[in-house]
Amino acid sequence: MLVEDKEGVTLMTYKISDECFACGACLPECPTEAIAEGAIYVIHAEKCIDCGACAAVCPVDAPKPV
């Protein structure tokens, strides 16, 4: 998903795929707290800074850049 920041710059964000089994490994790694808990986790595009920290720790590679 592409979103614009406050200056109108388009940013690429991450999305968590269906492979997520809600293990929680990504939650403490996100510096902007963009990940919400649920049956599978969801990344809020407006908060995601595209750092990839979530993807680096995910055991099933569920977070993907979009």
PDB file of N, CA and C in Angstrom:
ATOM      1  N   MET A   1       0.845  -1.174   0.000  1.00  0.00           N
ATOM      2  CA  MET A   1       0.000   0.000   0.000  1.00  0.00           C
ATOM      3  C   MET A   1       0.889   1.236   0.000  1.00  0.00           C
ATOM      4  N   LEU A   2       0.536   2.196  -0.770  1.00  0.00           N
ATOM      5  CA  LEU A   2       1.282   3.443  -0.801  1.00  0.00           C
ATOM      6  C   LEU A   2       0.482   4.512  -0.081  1.00  0.00           C
ATOM      7  N   VAL A   3       1.171   5.250   0.757  1.00  0.00           N
ATOM      8  CA  VAL A   3       0.534   6.347   1.475  1.00  0.00           C
ATOM      9  C   VAL A   3       1.424   7.567   1.357  1.00  0.00           C
ATOM     10  N   GLU A   4       0.851   8.728   1.613  1.00  0.00           N
ATOM     11  CA  GLU A   4       1.622   9.961   1.584  1.00  0.00           C
ATOM     12  C   GLU A   4       1.859  10.439   3.005  1.00  0.00           C
ATOM     13  N   ASP A   5       3.086  10.918   3.256  1.00  0.00           N
ATOM     14  CA  ASP A   5       3.367  11.489   4.566  1.00  0.00           C
ATOM     15  C   ASP A   5       2.846  12.919   4.612  1.00  0.00           C
ATOM     16  N   LYS A   6       3.141  13.627   5.687  1.00  0.00           N
ATOM     17  CA  LYS A   6       2.614  14.983   5.875  1.00  0.00           C
ATOM     18  C   LYS A   6       3.105  15.967   4.823  1.00  0.00           C
ATOM     19  N   GLU A   7       4.257  15.669   4.218  1.00  0.00           N
ATOM     20  CA  GLU A   7       4.802  16.544   3.175  1.00  0.00           C
ATOM     21  C   GLU A   7       4.342  16.129   1.773  1.00  0.00           C
ATOM     22  N   GLY A   8       3.503  15.096   1.690  1.00  0.00           N
ATOM     23  CA  GLY A   8       3.015  14.640   0.401  1.00  0.00           C
ATOM     24  C   GLY A   8       3.934  13.663  -0.309  1.00  0.00           C
ATOM     25  N   VAL A   9       4.941  13.150   0.407  1.00  0.00           N
ATOM     26  CA  VAL A   9       5.868  12.186  -0.170  1.00  0.00           C
ATOM     27  C   VAL A   9       5.238  10.798  -0.090  1.00  0.00           C
ATOM     28  N   THR A  10       5.259  10.066  -1.196  1.00  0.00           N
ATOM     29  CA  THR A  10       4.690   8.726  -1.224  1.00  0.00           C
ATOM     30  C   THR A  10       5.646   7.743  -0.566  1.00  0.00           C
ATOM     31  N   LEU A  11       5.111   6.951   0.361  1.00  0.00           N
ATOM     32  CA  LEU A  11       5.896   5.971   1.091  1.00  0.00           C
ATOM     33  C   LEU A  11       5.384   4.568   0.800  1.00  0.00           C
ATOM     34  N   MET A  12       6.285   3.607   0.726  1.00  0.00           N
ATOM     35  CA  MET A  12       5.886   2.207   0.608  1.00  0.00           C
ATOM     36  C   MET A  12       5.780   1.657   2.019  1.00  0.00           C
ATOM     37  N   THR A  13       4.828   0.812   2.273  1.00  0.00           N
ATOM     38  CA  THR A  13       4.661   0.231   3.592  1.00  0.00           C
ATOM     39  C   THR A  13       4.671  -1.281   3.508  1.00  0.00           C
ATOM     40  N   TYR A  14       4.632  -1.920   4.652  1.00  0.00           N
ATOM     41  CA  TYR A  14       4.565  -3.368   4.743  1.00  0.00           C
ATOM     42  C   TYR A  14       3.138  -3.810   5.014  1.00  0.00           C
ATOM     43  N   LYS A  15       2.842  -5.044   4.609  1.00  0.00           N
ATOM     44  CA  LYS A  15       1.557  -5.674   4.895  1.00  0.00           C
ATOM     45  C   LYS A  15       1.865  -7.064   5.421  1.00  0.00           C
ATOM     46  N   ILE A  16       1.099  -7.525   6.392  1.00  0.00           N
ATOM     47  CA  ILE A  16       1.305  -8.859   6.943  1.00  0.00           C
ATOM     48  C   ILE A  16       0.407  -9.839   6.195  1.00  0.00           C
ATOM     49  N   SER A  17       1.019 -10.890   5.664  1.00  0.00           N
ATOM     50  CA  SER A  17       0.296 -11.880   4.863  1.00  0.00           C
ATOM     51  C   SER A  17      -0.408 -12.909   5.752  1.00  0.00           C
ATOM     52  N   ASP A  18      -1.156 -13.787   5.111  1.00  0.00           N
ATOM     53  CA  ASP A  18      -1.916 -14.813   5.818  1.00  0.00           C
ATOM     54  C   ASP A  18      -1.041 -15.855   6.509  1.00  0.00           C
ATOM     55  N   GLU A  19       0.251 -15.863   6.235  1.00  0.00           N
ATOM     56  CA  GLU A  19       1.152 -16.792   6.911  1.00  0.00           C
ATOM     57  C   GLU A  19       1.313 -16.461   8.391  1.00  0.00           C
ATOM     58  N   CYS A  20       0.949 -15.258   8.785  1.00  0.00           N
ATOM     59  CA  CYS A  20       1.079 -14.817  10.174  1.00  0.00           C
ATOM     60  C   CYS A  20       0.284 -15.735  11.098  1.00  0.00           C
ATOM     61  N   PHE A  21       0.935 -16.166  12.185  1.00  0.00           N
ATOM     62  CA  PHE A  21       0.213 -16.947  13.181  1.00  0.00           C
ATOM     63  C   PHE A  21       0.210 -16.241  14.546  1.00  0.00           C
ATOM     64  N   ALA A  22       0.397 -14.926  14.516  1.00  0.00           N
ATOM     65  CA  ALA A  22       0.276 -14.059  15.689  1.00  0.00           C
ATOM     66  C   ALA A  22       1.196 -14.473  16.835  1.00  0.00           C
ATOM     67  N   CYS A  23       2.458 -14.734  16.509  1.00  0.00           N
ATOM     68  CA  CYS A  23       3.419 -15.148  17.539  1.00  0.00           C
ATOM     69  C   CYS A  23       3.885 -13.984  18.396  1.00  0.00           C
ATOM     70  N   GLY A  24       3.793 -12.762  17.865  1.00  0.00           N
ATOM     71  CA  GLY A  24       4.167 -11.591  18.628  1.00  0.00           C
ATOM     72  C   GLY A  24       5.608 -11.139  18.472  1.00  0.00           C
ATOM     73  N   ALA A  25       6.404 -11.825  17.670  1.00  0.00           N
ATOM     74  CA  ALA A  25       7.820 -11.464  17.509  1.00  0.00           C
ATOM     75  C   ALA A  25       7.996 -10.052  16.956  1.00  0.00           C
ATOM     76  N   CYS A  26       7.100  -9.621  16.111  1.00  0.00           N
ATOM     77  CA  CYS A  26       7.237  -8.324  15.447  1.00  0.00           C
ATOM     78  C   CYS A  26       6.849  -7.135  16.313  1.00  0.00           C
ATOM     79  N   LEU A  27       5.939  -7.335  17.244  1.00  0.00           N
ATOM     80  CA  LEU A  27       5.398  -6.215  18.020  1.00  0.00           C
ATOM     81  C   LEU A  27       6.460  -5.357  18.697  1.00  0.00           C
ATOM     82  N   PRO A  28       7.387  -5.916  19.460  1.00  0.00           N
ATOM     83  CA  PRO A  28       8.361  -5.053  20.131  1.00  0.00           C
ATOM     84  C   PRO A  28       9.403  -4.446  19.199  1.00  0.00           C
ATOM     85  N   GLU A  29       9.487  -4.954  17.976  1.00  0.00           N
ATOM     86  CA  GLU A  29      10.487  -4.467  17.027  1.00  0.00           C
ATOM     87  C   GLU A  29      10.045  -3.216  16.280  1.00  0.00           C
ATOM     88  N   CYS A  30       8.755  -2.966  16.210  1.00  0.00           N
ATOM     89  CA  CYS A  30       8.240  -1.831  15.431  1.00  0.00           C
ATOM     90  C   CYS A  30       8.468  -0.524  16.182  1.00  0.00           C
ATOM     91  N   PRO A  31       9.296   0.371  15.634  1.00  0.00           N
ATOM     92  CA  PRO A  31       9.602   1.619  16.341  1.00  0.00           C
ATOM     93  C   PRO A  31       8.451   2.622  16.376  1.00  0.00           C
ATOM     94  N   THR A  32       7.437   2.423  15.534  1.00  0.00           N
ATOM     95  CA  THR A  32       6.314   3.367  15.497  1.00  0.00           C
ATOM     96  C   THR A  32       5.012   2.766  16.006  1.00  0.00           C
ATOM     97  N   GLU A  33       5.076   1.550  16.546  1.00  0.00           N
ATOM     98  CA  GLU A  33       3.896   0.849  17.045  1.00  0.00           C
ATOM     99  C   GLU A  33       2.789   0.782  15.994  1.00  0.00           C
ATOM    100  N   ALA A  34       3.188   0.443  14.768  1.00  0.00           N
ATOM    101  CA  ALA A  34       2.247   0.393  13.650  1.00  0.00           C
ATOM    102  C   ALA A  34       1.518  -0.944  13.542  1.00  0.00           C
ATOM    103  N   ILE A  35       1.874  -1.913  14.363  1.00  0.00           N
ATOM    104  CA  ILE A  35       1.299  -3.249  14.257  1.00  0.00           C
ATOM    105  C   ILE A  35       0.202  -3.432  15.297  1.00  0.00           C
ATOM    106  N   ALA A  36      -0.970  -3.881  14.822  1.00  0.00           N
ATOM    107  CA  ALA A  36      -2.104  -4.139  15.707  1.00  0.00           C
ATOM    108  C   ALA A  36      -2.304  -5.641  15.837  1.00  0.00           C
ATOM    109  N   GLU A  37      -2.627  -6.091  17.043  1.00  0.00           N
ATOM    110  CA  GLU A  37      -2.856  -7.504  17.299  1.00  0.00           C
ATOM    111  C   GLU A  37      -4.234  -7.931  16.825  1.00  0.00           C
ATOM    112  N   GLY A  38      -4.339  -9.208  16.470  1.00  0.00           N
ATOM    113  CA  GLY A  38      -5.589  -9.814  16.056  1.00  0.00           C
ATOM    114  C   GLY A  38      -5.333 -11.267  15.719  1.00  0.00           C
ATOM    115  N   ALA A  39      -6.252 -11.905  15.020  1.00  0.00           N
ATOM    116  CA  ALA A  39      -6.049 -13.289  14.605  1.00  0.00           C
ATOM    117  C   ALA A  39      -4.765 -13.402  13.772  1.00  0.00           C
ATOM    118  N   ILE A  40      -4.600 -12.451  12.863  1.00  0.00           N
ATOM    119  CA  ILE A  40      -3.304 -12.180  12.264  1.00  0.00           C
ATOM    120  C   ILE A  40      -3.060 -10.702  12.513  1.00  0.00           C
ATOM    121  N   TYR A  41      -1.821 -10.319  12.554  1.00  0.00           N
ATOM    122  CA  TYR A  41      -1.512  -8.926  12.852  1.00  0.00           C
ATOM    123  C   TYR A  41      -1.705  -8.055  11.618  1.00  0.00           C
ATOM    124  N   VAL A  42      -1.928  -6.780  11.854  1.00  0.00           N
ATOM    125  CA  VAL A  42      -2.159  -5.819  10.781  1.00  0.00           C
ATOM    126  C   VAL A  42      -1.203  -4.652  10.983  1.00  0.00           C
ATOM    127  N   ILE A  43      -0.615  -4.169   9.889  1.00  0.00           N
ATOM    128  CA  ILE A  43       0.249  -3.000   9.945  1.00  0.00           C
ATOM    129  C   ILE A  43      -0.544  -1.794   9.457  1.00  0.00           C
ATOM    130  N   HIS A  44      -0.605  -0.769  10.276  1.00  0.00           N
ATOM    131  CA  HIS A  44      -1.290   0.459   9.893  1.00  0.00           C
ATOM    132  C   HIS A  44      -0.369   1.268   8.981  1.00  0.00           C
ATOM    133  N   ALA A  45      -0.764   1.412   7.737  1.00  0.00           N
ATOM    134  CA  ALA A  45       0.074   2.055   6.719  1.00  0.00           C
ATOM    135  C   ALA A  45       0.447   3.482   7.082  1.00  0.00           C
ATOM    136  N   GLU A  46      -0.444   4.179   7.759  1.00  0.00           N
ATOM    137  CA  GLU A  46      -0.158   5.575   8.087  1.00  0.00           C
ATOM    138  C   GLU A  46       0.926   5.717   9.159  1.00  0.00           C
ATOM    139  N   LYS A  47       1.214   4.638   9.889  1.00  0.00           N
ATOM    140  CA  LYS A  47       2.259   4.664  10.912  1.00  0.00           C
ATOM    141  C   LYS A  47       3.550   3.990  10.454  1.00  0.00           C
ATOM    142  N   CYS A  48       3.454   3.095   9.491  1.00  0.00           N
ATOM    143  CA  CYS A  48       4.608   2.322   9.042  1.00  0.00           C
ATOM    144  C   CYS A  48       5.637   3.226   8.359  1.00  0.00           C
ATOM    145  N   ILE A  49       6.898   3.089   8.772  1.00  0.00           N
ATOM    146  CA  ILE A  49       7.970   3.891   8.171  1.00  0.00           C
ATOM    147  C   ILE A  49       8.841   3.060   7.230  1.00  0.00           C
ATOM    148  N   ASP A  50       8.397   1.852   6.904  1.00  0.00           N
ATOM    149  CA  ASP A  50       9.075   1.000   5.925  1.00  0.00           C
ATOM    150  C   ASP A  50      10.494   0.625   6.363  1.00  0.00           C
ATOM    151  N   CYS A  51      10.684   0.397   7.658  1.00  0.00           N
ATOM    152  CA  CYS A  51      12.028   0.083   8.159  1.00  0.00           C
ATOM    153  C   CYS A  51      12.385  -1.387   8.008  1.00  0.00           C
ATOM    154  N   GLY A  52      11.378  -2.262   7.949  1.00  0.00           N
ATOM    155  CA  GLY A  52      11.635  -3.690   7.780  1.00  0.00           C
ATOM    156  C   GLY A  52      11.974  -4.436   9.055  1.00  0.00           C
ATOM    157  N   ALA A  53      11.895  -3.776  10.208  1.00  0.00           N
ATOM    158  CA  ALA A  53      12.226  -4.434  11.477  1.00  0.00           C
ATOM    159  C   ALA A  53      11.314  -5.627  11.739  1.00  0.00           C
ATOM    160  N   CYS A  54      10.057  -5.504  11.395  1.00  0.00           N
ATOM    161  CA  CYS A  54       9.100  -6.602  11.600  1.00  0.00           C
ATOM    162  C   CYS A  54       9.468  -7.811  10.741  1.00  0.00           C
ATOM    163  N   ALA A  55       9.817  -7.552   9.500  1.00  0.00           N
ATOM    164  CA  ALA A  55      10.168  -8.629   8.575  1.00  0.00           C
ATOM    165  C   ALA A  55      11.439  -9.354   9.006  1.00  0.00           C
ATOM    166  N   ALA A  56      12.357  -8.618   9.592  1.00  0.00           N
ATOM    167  CA  ALA A  56      13.636  -9.207  10.000  1.00  0.00           C
ATOM    168  C   ALA A  56      13.488 -10.252  11.097  1.00  0.00           C
ATOM    169  N   VAL A  57      12.463 -10.137  11.947  1.00  0.00           N
ATOM    170  CA  VAL A  57      12.305 -11.062  13.067  1.00  0.00           C
ATOM    171  C   VAL A  57      11.192 -12.084  12.874  1.00  0.00           C
ATOM    172  N   CYS A  58      10.397 -11.958  11.842  1.00  0.00           N
ATOM    173  CA  CYS A  58       9.263 -12.858  11.636  1.00  0.00           C
ATOM    174  C   CYS A  58       9.740 -14.260  11.247  1.00  0.00           C
ATOM    175  N   PRO A  59       9.317 -15.285  12.002  1.00  0.00           N
ATOM    176  CA  PRO A  59       9.764 -16.648  11.697  1.00  0.00           C
ATOM    177  C   PRO A  59       9.161 -17.237  10.414  1.00  0.00           C
ATOM    178  N   VAL A  60       8.087 -16.640   9.914  1.00  0.00           N
ATOM    179  CA  VAL A  60       7.456 -17.161   8.694  1.00  0.00           C
ATOM    180  C   VAL A  60       7.450 -16.140   7.551  1.00  0.00           C
ATOM    181  N   ASP A  61       8.211 -15.067   7.694  1.00  0.00           N
ATOM    182  CA  ASP A  61       8.306 -14.038   6.664  1.00  0.00           C
ATOM    183  C   ASP A  61       6.945 -13.482   6.245  1.00  0.00           C
ATOM    184  N   ALA A  62       6.070 -13.264   7.210  1.00  0.00           N
ATOM    185  CA  ALA A  62       4.732 -12.748   6.900  1.00  0.00           C
ATOM    186  C   ALA A  62       4.709 -11.277   6.478  1.00  0.00           C
ATOM    187  N   PRO A  63       5.490 -10.400   7.107  1.00  0.00           N
ATOM    188  CA  PRO A  63       5.480  -8.996   6.648  1.00  0.00           C
ATOM    189  C   PRO A  63       6.164  -8.859   5.282  1.00  0.00           C
ATOM    190  N   LYS A  64       5.454  -8.282   4.346  1.00  0.00           N
ATOM    191  CA  LYS A  64       5.974  -8.107   2.978  1.00  0.00           C
ATOM    192  C   LYS A  64       5.836  -6.648   2.556  1.00  0.00           C
ATOM    193  N   PRO A  65       6.839  -6.106   1.863  1.00  0.00           N
ATOM    194  CA  PRO A  65       6.659  -4.759   1.326  1.00  0.00           C
ATOM    195  C   PRO A  65       5.631  -4.769   0.197  1.00  0.00           C
ATOM    196  N   VAL A  66       4.830  -3.744   0.157  1.00  0.00           N
ATOM    197  CA  VAL A  66       3.828  -3.639  -0.925  1.00  0.00           C
ATOM    198  C   VAL A  66       4.015  -2.357  -1.690  1.00  0.00           C
TER     199      VAL A  66
END
